[in-house]
Amino acid sequence: LKMTDEKLNEILEEHSKWLSSGRQEGCCADLSGADLRYADLSYADLSHADLRYADLSHADLGHANLEGANLSHADLRNA
């Protein structure tokens, strides 16, 4: 099931809060198994996010921060 832009933005906002609050507020982005084909994730801070088994094919990851992100089995073709 393709993730809506609205839901993705909500998850990214909570993840940003989680990172900026020293993991006290918000929550870590759990995008495991998410269908993120063609998603615009340029400049997104996805550090420490769970992206296991996510379909990121053709996603725009330009300037995205993926430090410490779990990308096990993620599909990154043409990303």
C-alpha atoms as a PDB file:
ATOM      1  CA  LEU A   1       0.000   0.000   0.000  1.00  0.00           C
ATOM      2  CA  LYS A   2       1.445   3.348  -1.088  1.00  0.00           C
ATOM      3  CA  MET A   3       1.999   5.761   1.781  1.00  0.00           C
ATOM      4  CA  THR A   4       0.201   9.086   1.424  1.00  0.00           C
ATOM      5  CA  ASP A   5       2.199  12.308   1.480  1.00  0.00           C
ATOM      6  CA  GLU A   6       0.151  13.399   4.492  1.00  0.00           C
ATOM      7  CA  LYS A   7       1.046  10.285   6.512  1.00  0.00           C
ATOM      8  CA  LEU A   8       4.702  10.482   5.479  1.00  0.00           C
ATOM      9  CA  ASN A   9       4.897  14.149   6.521  1.00  0.00           C
ATOM     10  CA  GLU A  10       3.320  13.293   9.876  1.00  0.00           C
ATOM     11  CA  ILE A  11       5.896  10.546  10.484  1.00  0.00           C
ATOM     12  CA  LEU A  12       8.758  12.859   9.455  1.00  0.00           C
ATOM     13  CA  GLU A  13       7.511  15.625  11.792  1.00  0.00           C
ATOM     14  CA  GLU A  14       7.363  13.226  14.741  1.00  0.00           C
ATOM     15  CA  HIS A  15      10.835  11.939  13.825  1.00  0.00           C
ATOM     16  CA  SER A  16      12.185  15.487  13.700  1.00  0.00           C
ATOM     17  CA  LYS A  17      10.749  16.170  17.177  1.00  0.00           C
ATOM     18  CA  TRP A  18      12.295  12.933  18.409  1.00  0.00           C
ATOM     19  CA  LEU A  19      15.725  13.895  17.082  1.00  0.00           C
ATOM     20  CA  SER A  20      15.662  17.532  18.234  1.00  0.00           C
ATOM     21  CA  SER A  21      14.414  16.653  21.733  1.00  0.00           C
ATOM     22  CA  GLY A  22      17.160  14.124  22.361  1.00  0.00           C
ATOM     23  CA  ARG A  23      14.653  11.307  21.917  1.00  0.00           C
ATOM     24  CA  GLN A  24      12.362  12.641  24.661  1.00  0.00           C
ATOM     25  CA  GLU A  25       9.418  13.728  22.482  1.00  0.00           C
ATOM     26  CA  GLY A  26       7.921  12.514  19.232  1.00  0.00           C
ATOM     27  CA  CYS A  27       8.951   9.085  18.003  1.00  0.00           C
ATOM     28  CA  CYS A  28      11.513   7.437  15.798  1.00  0.00           C
ATOM     29  CA  ALA A  29      10.296   6.994  12.230  1.00  0.00           C
ATOM     30  CA  ASP A  30       9.189   3.428  11.607  1.00  0.00           C
ATOM     31  CA  LEU A  31       8.983   3.143   7.844  1.00  0.00           C
ATOM     32  CA  SER A  32       9.760  -0.554   7.738  1.00  0.00           C
ATOM     33  CA  GLY A  33       8.048  -2.178   4.792  1.00  0.00           C
ATOM     34  CA  ALA A  34       6.687   1.171   3.581  1.00  0.00           C
ATOM     35  CA  ASP A  35       5.973   1.751  -0.094  1.00  0.00           C
ATOM     36  CA  LEU A  36       7.952   4.928  -0.722  1.00  0.00           C
ATOM     37  CA  ARG A  37       8.416   4.538  -4.465  1.00  0.00           C
ATOM     38  CA  TYR A  38       9.003   7.921  -6.107  1.00  0.00           C
ATOM     39  CA  ALA A  39       8.735   9.703  -2.712  1.00  0.00           C
ATOM     40  CA  ASP A  40      10.431  13.085  -2.402  1.00  0.00           C
ATOM     41  CA  LEU A  41      12.692  12.594   0.593  1.00  0.00           C
ATOM     42  CA  SER A  42      15.226  15.193  -0.498  1.00  0.00           C
ATOM     43  CA  TYR A  43      16.756  16.938   2.517  1.00  0.00           C
ATOM     44  CA  ALA A  44      14.796  14.679   4.919  1.00  0.00           C
ATOM     45  CA  ASP A  45      16.531  13.812   8.175  1.00  0.00           C
ATOM     46  CA  LEU A  46      16.031  10.064   8.369  1.00  0.00           C
ATOM     47  CA  SER A  47      18.913   9.447  10.738  1.00  0.00           C
ATOM     48  CA  HIS A  48      18.263   6.393  12.909  1.00  0.00           C
ATOM     49  CA  ALA A  49      14.950   5.699  11.109  1.00  0.00           C
ATOM     50  CA  ASP A  50      13.758   2.146  10.550  1.00  0.00           C
ATOM     51  CA  LEU A  51      13.617   1.594   6.791  1.00  0.00           C
ATOM     52  CA  ARG A  52      13.942  -2.198   6.769  1.00  0.00           C
ATOM     53  CA  TYR A  53      12.263  -3.740   3.718  1.00  0.00           C
ATOM     54  CA  ALA A  54      11.059  -0.291   2.567  1.00  0.00           C
ATOM     55  CA  ASP A  55      10.593   0.189  -1.163  1.00  0.00           C
ATOM     56  CA  LEU A  56      12.574   3.335  -1.917  1.00  0.00           C
ATOM     57  CA  SER A  57      12.938   2.650  -5.626  1.00  0.00           C
ATOM     58  CA  HIS A  58      13.041   5.871  -7.638  1.00  0.00           C
ATOM     59  CA  ALA A  59      12.774   7.948  -4.428  1.00  0.00           C
ATOM     60  CA  ASP A  60      14.588  11.281  -4.320  1.00  0.00           C
ATOM     61  CA  LEU A  61      17.116  10.935  -1.499  1.00  0.00           C
ATOM     62  CA  GLY A  62      19.239  13.913  -2.518  1.00  0.00           C
ATOM     63  CA  HIS A  63      20.841  15.500   0.547  1.00  0.00           C
ATOM     64  CA  ALA A  64      18.849  13.197   2.859  1.00  0.00           C
ATOM     65  CA  ASN A  65      20.517  12.247   6.129  1.00  0.00           C
ATOM     66  CA  LEU A  66      20.511   8.456   6.448  1.00  0.00           C
ATOM     67  CA  GLU A  67      23.148   8.229   9.173  1.00  0.00           C
ATOM     68  CA  GLY A  68      22.437   5.262  11.406  1.00  0.00           C
ATOM     69  CA  ALA A  69      19.252   4.388   9.505  1.00  0.00           C
ATOM     70  CA  ASN A  70      18.411   0.706   9.201  1.00  0.00           C
ATOM     71  CA  LEU A  71      18.258   0.023   5.469  1.00  0.00           C
ATOM     72  CA  SER A  72      18.394  -3.784   5.695  1.00  0.00           C
ATOM     73  CA  HIS A  73      16.684  -5.323   2.670  1.00  0.00           C
ATOM     74  CA  ALA A  74      15.448  -1.906   1.483  1.00  0.00           C
ATOM     75  CA  ASP A  75      14.971  -1.530  -2.255  1.00  0.00           C
ATOM     76  CA  LEU A  76      17.123   1.422  -3.317  1.00  0.00           C
ATOM     77  CA  ARG A  77      17.085   0.819  -7.072  1.00  0.00           C
ATOM     78  CA  ASN A  78      17.239   4.081  -9.008  1.00  0.00           C
ATOM     79  CA  ALA A  79      16.935   6.086  -5.803  1.00  0.00           C
END
